[in-house]
Each structure stands twice: as C-alpha cells, then as structure tokens.
Amino acid sequence: MSEVKDQKRKRNRSNEKSVGKVFPNEEKQEQQQGQGQGNGNPSKKKKSQEVFPFGNYRNYYGYRISHDMDEDPRLKVMKQEWFQDKDCLDIGCNSGIMTIHIAKKFGCRSILGVDIDSSRIEDAHWHLRKFARMQNSGKPSEKKSSSDGADEVHGSKEQSISLSNGETRMDKPEVKDLSQIVSFQKENFVQTRHLDNNRYDTILCLSVTKWVHLNWGDDGLITLFSKIWRLLNPGGIFVMEPQPWKSYENNRRVSETTAMNYRNIVLRPERFQEILLDNIGFRTVEDLTSSLSGANKGFDRQILAFQK
C-alpha cells in the first residue's frame, strides 16, 4: 500500500512540473506579483489570481529595466527631432515612466499618455507629481538632470549663450514645468472617439500591438493602425515596438477573449510593416533595432519608425 502511495506522489510531482511549463514569462511575472509568502492569508490567495488581460502589469518598468541601467535602452535609439517642440501621444503608457522620460530628455511641447487601466493612469499621475517635485526642488542629486532637461526643453546650451551674447540683458528662458508638458488620461484607444479632433507630430505604441491584437483581433489591429495614421500630422512619426508571435502564444490564455482571438488571427507581426506601408499609407520605415542594446532578456524587440 505504501508503494502505491509513493507512486501517486511521484506522478503528482511530475504533473506539477509539466503544468509549470505551460506558463510563459509574462504570466509568471503576473503570478509573482500577486503571490504572497505564505498560504494562510486569504487576501494573498486572492491576489495570486489577478491577471492582466491588456498587458496592464503593475510595476511593469520594475522588471523591464534593470537596476544597473541609467535609462530605458529604447530611449537611446529615439531621435530628438521626433519630439523636441512637438506634440506627442504615447498609446498604452502604463504607469507613465517612459512618457515622462521622453518629455524630460527630448523636450516635447506636449505629450499625452493614454492607457486602458485607470489604476495605471493613477500610477502615472503619481509619478508625474514626483518628477515635477524633483524638478522644482533643486536637490543636489537632481541639479544635473534638471539643468539638462531645461536645456533640452528650451534649446541647447549653445543657443542660450548666443542669445545672451546678442542681448544686453542676461535673461534666462522660462523653464517649463513637467506637469505643463505631460498629461495622462484613461482611454481605450481602439474604441474611443475622444481623441478624434487631436493631431500629433509623433505617436508611440511600445509593446502594445499584441494586447490590442489578442483582445480585438485583426479588425482591432487595423483600427489601431488606421487611427494612428489619421491622428498624425503630415510628415509625422509613428514609433512601434511590436511583440513577436511567440509572445502571443505565451499570453493567449489570459482570458476567453484572447484565447478565441488568438485562434482566428491571420495578420501576424511579421506582416505589420507591409500592412503599414502598403495598406495604411505610411511612406517610409526605419528599423532602429540594430542600434538597441542593453535590453533585458525577453524585451529585445524590434523597434520601427514609420513616417506619414
């Protein structure tokens, strides 16, 4: 009888191992975010069941950017002229960290971050208040970044010097507060009509296409691309970071909707470039991937810049 029990325990352990292989990296991260240390607390059990069907992870940048990185590697491949004194839109901004850093580094005239999850928008507003306080406080640790941000928002140091030399006064340009440049709002970009009258010089869609595709299928993806093209000014830039098909496989079971759409998807990511150029109407594309370095494993994704 004891030998039979031992065999059952072995089979159960084997089954547990095989089940563990089903869960992908991002789903494991979801589980790790929700799980507690013990099993006695009902609230911790409840958290372990939390899922993020729109990719609206809590602490997303916490595991995307390593602690030893000075900035998100994607910032290094983006060009100043896409953002400086431009009106920009960040689709699927999550907690707003990338949105704020783009505004701070490149000097946008304005940048709006939208996300489907109101909790992530609350996080984004919190981060914006924090960055704005740091900018205004003049703390020693922030002096360099604040001065750099001022130079980038209002022109280079050389421009400031030449302006000063050409005038009898030594007036400094007004430094625009981050809270005057950056804003956030909750929107389902695929379905909303609230942005229809807006126009932008640059639109970002970073690691978002998969979640639109899984939740709204091929039709939703085409709606996303068409709306981006429509909201861009002539000559405007669309920066896209599409997730590979393997990533779809990993996350297809986060909801019944995603599982159903996954089975019906025809337009795979390797066709996106063709669709955007031949069907949507973008004129050119630049692949920035070769310049990208330092991304964490699993986040070394293709980055493409399309021009309208």
Protein backbone atom coordinates (compact mmCIF):
# COMPACT_ATOMS: atom_id res chain seq x y z
CA MET A 1 0.00 0.00 0.00
CA SER A 2 2.85 2.45 0.87
CA GLU A 3 4.48 1.73 -2.54
CA VAL A 4 1.23 2.69 -4.31
CA LYS A 5 1.07 5.98 -2.36
CA ASP A 6 4.70 6.74 -3.21
CA GLN A 7 3.97 6.16 -6.91
CA LYS A 8 0.94 8.50 -6.74
CA ARG A 9 3.05 11.22 -5.09
CA LYS A 10 5.68 10.87 -7.82
CA ARG A 11 3.04 11.14 -10.52
CA ASN A 12 1.57 14.24 -8.87
CA ARG A 13 5.01 15.89 -8.70
CA SER A 14 5.56 15.04 -12.36
CA ASN A 15 2.21 16.58 -13.28
CA GLU A 16 3.04 19.74 -11.33
CA LYS A 17 6.29 20.10 -13.27
CA SER A 18 4.54 19.70 -16.62
CA VAL A 19 1.88 22.23 -15.65
CA GLY A 20 4.60 24.70 -14.65
CA LYS A 21 5.98 24.61 -18.17
CA VAL A 22 2.69 25.88 -19.59
CA PHE A 23 3.03 29.31 -18.01
CA PRO A 24 5.10 31.84 -20.02
CA ASN A 25 7.47 34.51 -18.73
CA GLU A 26 4.94 37.33 -18.55
CA GLU A 27 2.31 35.11 -16.93
CA LYS A 28 4.89 34.01 -14.37
CA GLN A 29 5.59 37.66 -13.62
CA GLU A 30 1.86 38.22 -13.13
CA GLN A 31 1.72 35.36 -10.68
CA GLN A 32 4.84 36.50 -8.83
CA GLN A 33 3.35 39.97 -8.44
CA GLY A 34 0.25 38.53 -6.83
CA GLN A 35 1.57 35.69 -4.72
CA GLY A 36 2.43 36.08 -1.06
CA GLN A 37 4.99 34.22 1.02
CA GLY A 38 2.51 32.04 2.86
CA ASN A 39 -0.75 30.27 2.15
CA GLY A 40 -2.62 31.18 5.32
CA ASN A 41 -3.68 34.67 4.30
CA PRO A 42 -6.89 34.70 2.18
CA SER A 43 -6.05 38.13 0.71
CA LYS A 44 -2.75 36.78 -0.62
CA LYS A 45 -4.55 33.86 -2.22
CA LYS A 46 -6.90 36.29 -3.89
CA LYS A 47 -4.01 38.35 -5.25
CA SER A 48 -2.43 35.28 -6.83
CA GLN A 49 -5.47 35.01 -9.12
CA GLU A 50 -5.04 38.54 -10.51
CA VAL A 51 -4.44 38.65 -14.26
CA PHE A 52 -3.68 41.47 -16.68
CA PRO A 53 -5.55 40.75 -19.93
CA PHE A 54 -4.48 44.04 -21.52
CA GLY A 55 -0.81 43.83 -20.53
CA ASN A 56 -1.56 46.41 -17.84
CA TYR A 57 1.00 45.00 -15.42
CA ARG A 58 1.75 46.65 -12.10
CA ASN A 59 5.41 47.60 -11.71
CA TYR A 60 5.97 46.89 -15.44
CA TYR A 61 9.12 49.00 -15.66
CA GLY A 62 10.42 47.39 -12.48
CA TYR A 63 11.19 44.17 -14.33
CA ARG A 64 11.69 45.67 -17.78
CA ILE A 65 14.56 47.97 -16.71
CA SER A 66 17.45 46.57 -14.67
CA HIS A 67 18.61 48.45 -11.57
CA ASP A 68 22.06 48.94 -13.12
CA MET A 69 20.62 50.80 -16.17
CA ASP A 70 20.81 54.57 -16.25
CA GLU A 71 17.74 54.73 -18.53
CA ASP A 72 15.41 52.63 -20.65
CA PRO A 73 17.52 51.32 -23.59
CA ARG A 74 14.77 52.32 -26.03
CA LEU A 75 15.42 55.99 -25.29
CA LYS A 76 18.90 55.64 -26.81
CA VAL A 77 17.56 54.77 -30.29
CA MET A 78 14.98 57.56 -30.43
CA LYS A 79 15.77 60.82 -32.19
CA GLN A 80 15.49 64.27 -30.67
CA GLU A 81 13.83 65.75 -33.77
CA TRP A 82 10.86 63.42 -33.35
CA PHE A 83 9.99 65.01 -30.00
CA GLN A 84 11.61 68.41 -29.46
CA ASP A 85 8.90 71.11 -29.53
CA LYS A 86 6.47 68.51 -30.88
CA ASP A 87 3.02 67.34 -29.78
CA CYS A 88 3.24 63.62 -28.95
CA LEU A 89 0.99 60.72 -27.95
CA ASP A 90 2.01 57.57 -26.04
CA ILE A 91 -0.51 54.74 -26.51
CA GLY A 92 -0.57 52.18 -23.66
CA CYS A 93 1.57 54.31 -21.37
CA ASN A 94 1.13 52.03 -18.32
CA SER A 95 2.49 53.88 -15.25
CA GLY A 96 3.86 56.75 -17.35
CA ILE A 97 7.58 56.31 -16.67
CA MET A 98 8.57 56.18 -20.36
CA THR A 99 6.24 59.06 -21.23
CA ILE A 100 7.79 61.29 -18.58
CA HIS A 101 11.37 60.37 -19.52
CA ILE A 102 10.70 61.18 -23.19
CA ALA A 103 9.34 64.60 -22.22
CA LYS A 104 12.27 65.22 -19.90
CA LYS A 105 15.02 64.03 -22.25
CA PHE A 106 13.77 65.31 -25.61
CA GLY A 107 11.77 68.40 -24.70
CA CYS A 108 8.29 67.74 -26.10
CA ARG A 109 5.94 70.68 -26.45
CA SER A 110 3.30 68.33 -25.10
CA ILE A 111 2.91 64.59 -24.60
CA LEU A 112 -0.27 62.73 -23.68
CA GLY A 113 -0.13 59.21 -22.28
CA VAL A 114 -3.27 57.05 -22.55
CA ASP A 115 -3.94 53.65 -21.03
CA ILE A 116 -6.98 51.40 -20.74
CA ASP A 117 -6.44 50.81 -16.98
CA SER A 118 -7.47 53.60 -14.59
CA SER A 119 -5.14 52.19 -11.92
CA ARG A 120 -2.14 52.59 -14.22
CA ILE A 121 -3.23 56.15 -15.01
CA GLU A 122 -3.36 56.85 -11.26
CA ASP A 123 0.20 55.48 -11.02
CA ALA A 124 1.21 57.75 -13.91
CA HIS A 125 -0.19 60.85 -12.21
CA TRP A 126 1.68 59.88 -9.05
CA HIS A 127 4.95 59.52 -10.98
CA LEU A 128 4.39 62.84 -12.72
CA ARG A 129 3.89 64.65 -9.41
CA LYS A 130 7.05 63.01 -8.09
CA PHE A 131 9.14 64.01 -11.12
CA ALA A 132 7.72 67.56 -11.05
CA ARG A 133 8.63 67.91 -7.36
CA MET A 134 12.16 66.68 -8.07
CA GLN A 135 12.46 69.15 -10.94
CA ASN A 136 11.33 72.06 -8.78
CA SER A 137 13.10 71.15 -5.54
CA GLY A 138 16.63 71.74 -6.83
CA LYS A 139 18.01 68.86 -4.77
CA PRO A 140 21.74 68.23 -5.35
CA SER A 141 21.05 64.79 -6.83
CA GLU A 142 18.66 66.33 -9.34
CA LYS A 143 20.54 69.51 -10.31
CA LYS A 144 22.26 67.96 -13.31
CA SER A 145 19.20 66.22 -14.70
CA SER A 146 17.07 69.33 -14.10
CA SER A 147 19.51 71.57 -15.93
CA ASP A 148 19.83 69.05 -18.74
CA GLY A 149 16.06 68.87 -19.01
CA ALA A 150 15.83 72.66 -19.16
CA ASP A 151 18.43 72.81 -21.93
CA GLU A 152 16.65 70.12 -23.91
CA VAL A 153 13.17 71.57 -23.47
CA HIS A 154 14.15 75.13 -24.37
CA GLY A 155 17.08 74.69 -26.74
CA SER A 156 20.73 73.76 -26.39
CA LYS A 157 23.29 75.45 -24.18
CA GLU A 158 24.94 76.98 -27.27
CA GLN A 159 21.66 78.59 -28.30
CA SER A 160 21.21 80.05 -24.84
CA ILE A 161 24.72 81.52 -24.87
CA SER A 162 24.36 83.09 -28.32
CA LEU A 163 21.05 84.58 -27.27
CA SER A 164 22.65 86.05 -24.15
CA ASN A 165 25.55 87.48 -26.14
CA GLY A 166 23.16 89.11 -28.59
CA GLU A 167 21.21 90.93 -25.88
CA THR A 168 22.21 93.48 -23.27
CA ARG A 169 20.20 91.52 -20.71
CA MET A 170 21.12 88.09 -19.40
CA ASP A 171 17.57 86.76 -19.21
CA LYS A 172 17.21 83.01 -18.82
CA PRO A 173 14.42 81.27 -20.76
CA GLU A 174 11.48 80.18 -18.66
CA VAL A 175 11.79 76.53 -17.67
CA LYS A 176 8.51 74.77 -18.36
CA ASP A 177 7.30 72.51 -15.57
CA LEU A 178 6.89 68.84 -16.50
CA SER A 179 3.27 68.96 -15.33
CA GLN A 180 2.64 71.57 -18.05
CA ILE A 181 4.09 69.27 -20.73
CA VAL A 182 2.95 65.79 -19.67
CA SER A 183 -0.65 64.65 -19.17
CA PHE A 184 -2.39 61.32 -18.77
CA GLN A 185 -5.92 60.06 -19.32
CA LYS A 186 -7.76 56.74 -19.29
CA GLU A 187 -8.76 55.70 -22.80
CA ASN A 188 -9.40 52.54 -24.77
CA PHE A 189 -7.55 53.84 -27.82
CA VAL A 190 -9.15 51.36 -30.24
CA GLN A 191 -12.70 52.35 -29.30
CA THR A 192 -12.51 55.94 -28.03
CA ARG A 193 -13.72 58.96 -30.02
CA HIS A 194 -12.31 61.48 -27.54
CA LEU A 195 -9.06 61.93 -29.47
CA ASP A 196 -10.57 62.26 -32.96
CA ASN A 197 -10.00 66.02 -33.21
CA ASN A 198 -6.42 65.88 -31.91
CA ARG A 199 -3.33 65.88 -34.13
CA TYR A 200 0.16 64.76 -33.20
CA ASP A 201 3.67 65.01 -34.63
CA THR A 202 4.84 61.74 -33.05
CA ILE A 203 2.88 58.74 -31.78
CA LEU A 204 4.40 55.87 -29.78
CA CYS A 205 3.00 52.37 -29.47
CA LEU A 206 5.56 50.39 -27.48
CA SER A 207 4.83 46.71 -26.69
CA VAL A 208 1.10 47.31 -27.12
CA THR A 209 0.17 45.77 -30.51
CA LYS A 210 -0.04 42.23 -29.10
CA TRP A 211 -2.59 43.21 -26.47
CA VAL A 212 -4.75 45.10 -28.97
CA HIS A 213 -4.50 42.13 -31.34
CA LEU A 214 -5.38 39.50 -28.73
CA ASN A 215 -8.30 41.49 -27.33
CA TRP A 216 -9.83 42.88 -30.55
CA GLY A 217 -8.44 40.60 -33.27
CA ASP A 218 -7.29 41.57 -36.75
CA ASP A 219 -10.04 44.21 -37.03
CA GLY A 220 -8.84 45.87 -33.84
CA LEU A 221 -5.25 45.92 -35.09
CA ILE A 222 -6.25 47.59 -38.38
CA THR A 223 -8.34 50.10 -36.41
CA LEU A 224 -5.28 50.87 -34.26
CA PHE A 225 -3.03 51.45 -37.28
CA SER A 226 -5.65 53.45 -39.21
CA LYS A 227 -6.41 55.71 -36.25
CA ILE A 228 -2.71 56.38 -35.64
CA TRP A 229 -2.26 57.38 -39.29
CA ARG A 230 -5.30 59.66 -39.11
CA LEU A 231 -4.14 61.41 -35.92
CA LEU A 232 -0.64 62.09 -37.26
CA ASN A 233 0.24 65.37 -38.93
CA PRO A 234 1.73 65.13 -42.44
CA GLY A 235 5.36 64.01 -42.07
CA GLY A 236 4.60 62.70 -38.57
CA ILE A 237 6.42 59.74 -36.99
CA PHE A 238 4.91 56.52 -35.67
CA VAL A 239 7.28 54.57 -33.40
CA MET A 240 6.19 50.94 -32.94
CA GLU A 241 7.65 48.13 -30.84
CA PRO A 242 5.66 45.01 -31.86
CA GLN A 243 5.82 41.84 -29.80
CA PRO A 244 6.82 38.68 -31.72
CA TRP A 245 4.32 35.88 -32.40
CA LYS A 246 5.94 33.69 -29.74
CA SER A 247 4.85 36.27 -27.19
CA TYR A 248 1.24 35.88 -28.38
CA GLU A 249 1.48 32.13 -27.79
CA ASN A 250 2.67 32.78 -24.26
CA ASN A 251 -0.27 35.03 -23.37
CA ARG A 252 -3.14 33.62 -25.40
CA ARG A 253 -4.89 32.15 -22.34
CA VAL A 254 -5.13 35.21 -20.11
CA SER A 255 -8.85 35.41 -20.95
CA GLU A 256 -11.52 33.66 -23.02
CA THR A 257 -11.46 36.58 -25.46
CA THR A 258 -7.71 36.39 -26.04
CA ALA A 259 -7.87 32.61 -26.49
CA MET A 260 -10.60 32.94 -29.11
CA ASN A 261 -8.93 35.80 -30.99
CA TYR A 262 -5.59 34.03 -30.95
CA ARG A 263 -7.08 31.12 -32.90
CA ASN A 264 -8.52 33.49 -35.53
CA ILE A 265 -5.58 35.86 -36.07
CA VAL A 266 -4.36 35.98 -39.68
CA LEU A 267 -2.20 39.14 -39.64
CA ARG A 268 0.91 38.04 -37.78
CA PRO A 269 3.55 40.57 -36.58
CA GLU A 270 5.95 39.83 -39.46
CA ARG A 271 3.32 41.37 -41.78
CA PHE A 272 2.84 44.62 -39.84
CA GLN A 273 5.47 46.54 -41.80
CA GLU A 274 3.88 45.55 -45.11
CA ILE A 275 0.40 46.49 -43.84
CA LEU A 276 1.51 49.90 -42.59
CA LEU A 277 3.31 50.78 -45.83
CA ASP A 278 1.06 49.20 -48.47
CA ASN A 279 -2.38 49.37 -46.86
CA ILE A 280 -2.39 52.12 -44.24
CA GLY A 281 -0.34 54.61 -46.25
CA PHE A 282 2.93 55.33 -44.41
CA ARG A 283 5.65 56.45 -46.84
CA THR A 284 8.88 55.17 -45.23
CA VAL A 285 10.11 52.97 -42.39
CA GLU A 286 13.37 52.92 -40.44
CA ASP A 287 14.42 49.85 -38.44
CA LEU A 288 16.13 51.01 -35.23
CA THR A 289 16.65 47.54 -33.78
CA SER A 290 20.33 47.19 -34.66
CA SER A 291 21.14 50.24 -32.50
CA LEU A 292 19.28 48.83 -29.50
CA SER A 293 21.48 47.37 -26.77
CA GLY A 294 21.17 46.56 -23.09
CA ALA A 295 17.55 45.36 -23.14
CA ASN A 296 16.61 42.71 -20.59
CA LYS A 297 16.06 39.17 -21.86
CA GLY A 298 12.66 38.88 -23.48
CA PHE A 299 12.47 42.62 -24.18
CA ASP A 300 14.98 42.85 -27.03
CA ARG A 301 12.21 43.59 -29.51
CA GLN A 302 12.13 45.20 -32.93
CA ILE A 303 11.62 48.99 -32.97
CA LEU A 304 10.37 50.60 -36.20
CA ALA A 305 9.82 54.27 -37.06
CA PHE A 306 7.28 54.98 -39.83
CA GLN A 307 6.82 58.38 -41.45
CA LYS A 308 3.46 59.59 -42.74
